[in-house]
C-alpha atoms as a PDB file:
ATOM      1  CA  UNK A   1     -75.103  45.628 134.550  1.00  0.00           C
ATOM      2  CA  UNK A   2     -72.632  47.268 132.218  1.00  0.00           C
ATOM      3  CA  UNK A   3     -69.213  48.826 132.544  1.00  0.00           C
ATOM      4  CA  UNK A   4     -66.921  51.209 130.750  1.00  0.00           C
ATOM      5  CA  UNK A   5     -64.461  49.711 130.044  1.00  0.00           C
ATOM      6  CA  UNK A   6     -66.102  46.306 129.572  1.00  0.00           C
ATOM      7  CA  UNK A   7     -64.740  43.349 131.504  1.00  0.00           C
ATOM      8  CA  UNK A   8     -64.844  44.947 134.965  1.00  0.00           C
ATOM      9  CA  UNK A   9     -64.926  42.353 137.763  1.00  0.00           C
ATOM     10  CA  UNK A  10     -68.165  42.676 139.752  1.00  0.00           C
ATOM     11  CA  UNK A  11     -69.008  41.617 143.309  1.00  0.00           C
ATOM     12  CA  UNK A  12     -72.432  41.582 144.927  1.00  0.00           C
ATOM     13  CA  UNK A  13     -72.259  42.156 148.697  1.00  0.00           C
ATOM     14  CA  UNK A  14     -68.580  41.195 148.593  1.00  0.00           C
ATOM     15  CA  UNK A  15     -69.025  37.962 146.571  1.00  0.00           C
ATOM     16  CA  UNK A  16     -67.601  37.820 143.037  1.00  0.00           C
ATOM     17  CA  UNK A  17     -70.385  37.301 140.472  1.00  0.00           C
ATOM     18  CA  UNK A  18     -68.723  37.858 137.077  1.00  0.00           C
ATOM     19  CA  UNK A  19     -67.535  40.510 134.633  1.00  0.00           C
ATOM     20  CA  UNK A  20     -69.383  43.259 132.810  1.00  0.00           C
ATOM     21  CA  UNK A  21     -71.612  43.110 130.861  1.00  0.00           C
ATOM     22  CA  UNK A  22     -73.507  40.984 133.357  1.00  0.00           C
ATOM     23  CA  UNK A  23     -77.086  40.015 134.184  1.00  0.00           C
ATOM     24  CA  UNK A  24     -77.966  38.785 137.673  1.00  0.00           C
ATOM     25  CA  UNK A  25     -81.194  36.816 137.806  1.00  0.00           C
ATOM     26  CA  UNK A  26     -83.539  35.919 140.645  1.00  0.00           C
ATOM     27  CA  UNK A  27     -82.288  38.381 143.233  1.00  0.00           C
ATOM     28  CA  UNK A  28     -84.577  38.647 146.225  1.00  0.00           C
ATOM     29  CA  UNK A  29     -86.035  42.120 146.851  1.00  0.00           C
ATOM     30  CA  UNK A  30     -83.815  44.222 149.084  1.00  0.00           C
ATOM     31  CA  UNK A  31     -80.689  46.378 149.280  1.00  0.00           C
ATOM     32  CA  UNK A  32     -77.390  45.313 147.697  1.00  0.00           C
ATOM     33  CA  UNK A  33     -73.895  46.731 147.317  1.00  0.00           C
ATOM     34  CA  UNK A  34     -72.283  46.293 143.918  1.00  0.00           C
ATOM     35  CA  UNK A  35     -68.528  46.694 143.559  1.00  0.00           C
ATOM     36  CA  UNK A  36     -66.735  46.918 140.219  1.00  0.00           C
ATOM     37  CA  UNK A  37     -62.957  46.830 139.795  1.00  0.00           C
ATOM     38  CA  UNK A  38     -60.557  47.091 136.900  1.00  0.00           C
ATOM     39  CA  UNK A  39     -57.857  45.411 139.010  1.00  0.00           C
ATOM     40  CA  UNK A  40     -56.425  48.652 140.413  1.00  0.00           C
ATOM     41  CA  UNK A  41     -59.427  50.885 141.082  1.00  0.00           C
ATOM     42  CA  UNK A  42     -62.838  50.208 142.635  1.00  0.00           C
ATOM     43  CA  UNK A  43     -66.283  51.767 142.430  1.00  0.00           C
ATOM     44  CA  UNK A  44     -69.193  50.937 144.767  1.00  0.00           C
ATOM     45  CA  UNK A  45     -72.903  51.404 144.191  1.00  0.00           C
ATOM     46  CA  UNK A  46     -75.772  50.789 146.603  1.00  0.00           C
ATOM     47  CA  UNK A  47     -78.915  49.582 144.832  1.00  0.00           C
ATOM     48  CA  UNK A  48     -82.323  48.396 145.984  1.00  0.00           C
ATOM     49  CA  UNK A  49     -84.288  45.796 144.069  1.00  0.00           C
ATOM     50  CA  UNK A  50     -88.064  45.833 144.496  1.00  0.00           C
ATOM     51  CA  UNK A  51     -90.503  42.946 144.039  1.00  0.00           C
ATOM     52  CA  UNK A  52     -90.740  41.910 140.364  1.00  0.00           C
ATOM     53  CA  UNK A  53     -88.426  44.802 139.494  1.00  0.00           C
ATOM     54  CA  UNK A  54     -85.537  44.857 137.070  1.00  0.00           C
ATOM     55  CA  UNK A  55     -82.710  47.112 138.268  1.00  0.00           C
ATOM     56  CA  UNK A  56     -79.960  48.410 135.983  1.00  0.00           C
ATOM     57  CA  UNK A  57     -76.613  49.921 136.832  1.00  0.00           C
ATOM     58  CA  UNK A  58     -73.653  51.082 134.804  1.00  0.00           C
ATOM     59  CA  UNK A  59     -70.134  51.584 136.136  1.00  0.00           C
ATOM     60  CA  UNK A  60     -67.925  54.085 134.324  1.00  0.00           C
ATOM     61  CA  UNK A  61     -64.220  54.442 135.003  1.00  0.00           C
ATOM     62  CA  UNK A  62     -62.635  57.628 133.658  1.00  0.00           C
ATOM     63  CA  UNK A  63     -58.887  57.716 134.079  1.00  0.00           C
ATOM     64  CA  UNK A  64     -56.423  60.430 134.920  1.00  0.00           C
ATOM     65  CA  UNK A  65     -52.917  60.794 136.302  1.00  0.00           C
ATOM     66  CA  UNK A  66     -51.272  62.624 139.179  1.00  0.00           C
ATOM     67  CA  UNK A  67     -47.676  63.728 139.486  1.00  0.00           C
ATOM     68  CA  UNK A  68     -46.220  63.645 142.996  1.00  0.00           C
ATOM     69  CA  UNK A  69     -43.231  65.790 143.879  1.00  0.00           C
ATOM     70  CA  UNK A  70     -41.499  66.650 147.131  1.00  0.00           C
ATOM     71  CA  UNK A  71     -38.787  68.965 148.397  1.00  0.00           C
ATOM     72  CA  UNK A  72     -36.333  67.378 148.675  1.00  0.00           C
ATOM     73  CA  UNK A  73     -36.971  64.699 146.080  1.00  0.00           C
ATOM     74  CA  UNK A  74     -36.805  61.048 147.079  1.00  0.00           C
ATOM     75  CA  UNK A  75     -39.799  60.691 149.402  1.00  0.00           C
ATOM     76  CA  UNK A  76     -41.243  57.172 149.472  1.00  0.00           C
ATOM     77  CA  UNK A  77     -44.764  56.970 148.023  1.00  0.00           C
ATOM     78  CA  UNK A  78     -47.204  54.438 149.482  1.00  0.00           C
ATOM     79  CA  UNK A  79     -50.454  53.433 147.764  1.00  0.00           C
ATOM     80  CA  UNK A  80     -52.862  50.864 149.194  1.00  0.00           C
ATOM     81  CA  UNK A  81     -50.295  49.952 151.839  1.00  0.00           C
ATOM     82  CA  UNK A  82     -47.459  49.219 149.397  1.00  0.00           C
ATOM     83  CA  UNK A  83     -44.379  51.253 148.561  1.00  0.00           C
ATOM     84  CA  UNK A  84     -44.674  52.067 144.868  1.00  0.00           C
ATOM     85  CA  UNK A  85     -41.741  54.402 144.265  1.00  0.00           C
ATOM     86  CA  UNK A  86     -40.105  57.673 145.219  1.00  0.00           C
ATOM     87  CA  UNK A  87     -40.760  61.259 144.239  1.00  0.00           C
ATOM     88  CA  UNK A  88     -40.906  62.612 141.664  1.00  0.00           C
ATOM     89  CA  UNK A  89     -43.433  60.003 140.551  1.00  0.00           C
ATOM     90  CA  UNK A  90     -46.338  59.989 138.106  1.00  0.00           C
ATOM     91  CA  UNK A  91     -49.249  57.716 138.946  1.00  0.00           C
ATOM     92  CA  UNK A  92     -51.179  56.904 135.789  1.00  0.00           C
ATOM     93  CA  UNK A  93     -54.380  54.962 135.190  1.00  0.00           C
ATOM     94  CA  UNK A  94     -56.092  56.348 138.295  1.00  0.00           C
ATOM     95  CA  UNK A  95     -59.868  56.361 138.258  1.00  0.00           C
ATOM     96  CA  UNK A  96     -61.068  59.944 138.500  1.00  0.00           C
ATOM     97  CA  UNK A  97     -63.555  60.914 141.183  1.00  0.00           C
ATOM     98  CA  UNK A  98     -64.033  60.203 144.841  1.00  0.00           C
ATOM     99  CA  UNK A  99     -63.288  56.679 146.021  1.00  0.00           C
ATOM    100  CA  UNK A 100     -64.328  55.309 149.376  1.00  0.00           C
ATOM    101  CA  UNK A 101     -61.610  54.359 151.830  1.00  0.00           C
ATOM    102  CA  UNK A 102     -58.679  55.456 149.686  1.00  0.00           C
ATOM    103  CA  UNK A 103     -55.604  56.931 151.307  1.00  0.00           C
ATOM    104  CA  UNK A 104     -52.256  58.055 150.004  1.00  0.00           C
ATOM    105  CA  UNK A 105     -49.167  58.650 152.100  1.00  0.00           C
ATOM    106  CA  UNK A 106     -45.727  60.062 151.483  1.00  0.00           C
ATOM    107  CA  UNK A 107     -42.789  59.390 153.831  1.00  0.00           C
ATOM    108  CA  UNK A 108     -39.555  61.344 154.086  1.00  0.00           C
ATOM    109  CA  UNK A 109     -36.682  59.473 155.687  1.00  0.00           C
ATOM    110  CA  UNK A 110     -33.997  61.485 157.444  1.00  0.00           C
ATOM    111  CA  UNK A 111     -30.336  60.804 156.857  1.00  0.00           C
ATOM    112  CA  UNK A 112     -30.214  58.929 160.179  1.00  0.00           C
ATOM    113  CA  UNK A 113     -32.955  56.568 158.918  1.00  0.00           C
ATOM    114  CA  UNK A 114     -35.770  57.878 161.119  1.00  0.00           C
ATOM    115  CA  UNK A 115     -39.154  59.017 159.906  1.00  0.00           C
ATOM    116  CA  UNK A 116     -39.137  62.823 159.580  1.00  0.00           C
ATOM    117  CA  UNK A 117     -42.598  63.468 158.188  1.00  0.00           C
ATOM    118  CA  UNK A 118     -45.646  61.639 156.963  1.00  0.00           C
ATOM    119  CA  UNK A 119     -48.715  63.111 155.360  1.00  0.00           C
ATOM    120  CA  UNK A 120     -51.867  61.529 154.068  1.00  0.00           C
ATOM    121  CA  UNK A 121     -55.390  62.472 153.152  1.00  0.00           C
ATOM    122  CA  UNK A 122     -58.712  60.879 152.527  1.00  0.00           C
ATOM    123  CA  UNK A 123     -59.706  60.618 148.895  1.00  0.00           C
END
């Protein structure tokens, strides 16, 4: 198993097994889910290993950025359940491409402290 960048943490069926580059030996034939993370972003891959078969997989993380703005400025930005700042805000080092189970939310607080609006979308 390889990764770009190298040193990605890898889990096999949810159990940490090492960092890329990595060779897993003596896996029983069957389906597996590999997960690689750079500490902030994750990628999953479903693989099947056949009898006496050697399977290979490569994870590639390509990074981009997104700039979040709101009218009026000052909306709270939440990523992975944590408040990470207010708009305008640039999020850098985001893995490009679709990621399972990712959600972003932006909250606008009214002057009286109540929640005026919240929007989110599946990524």
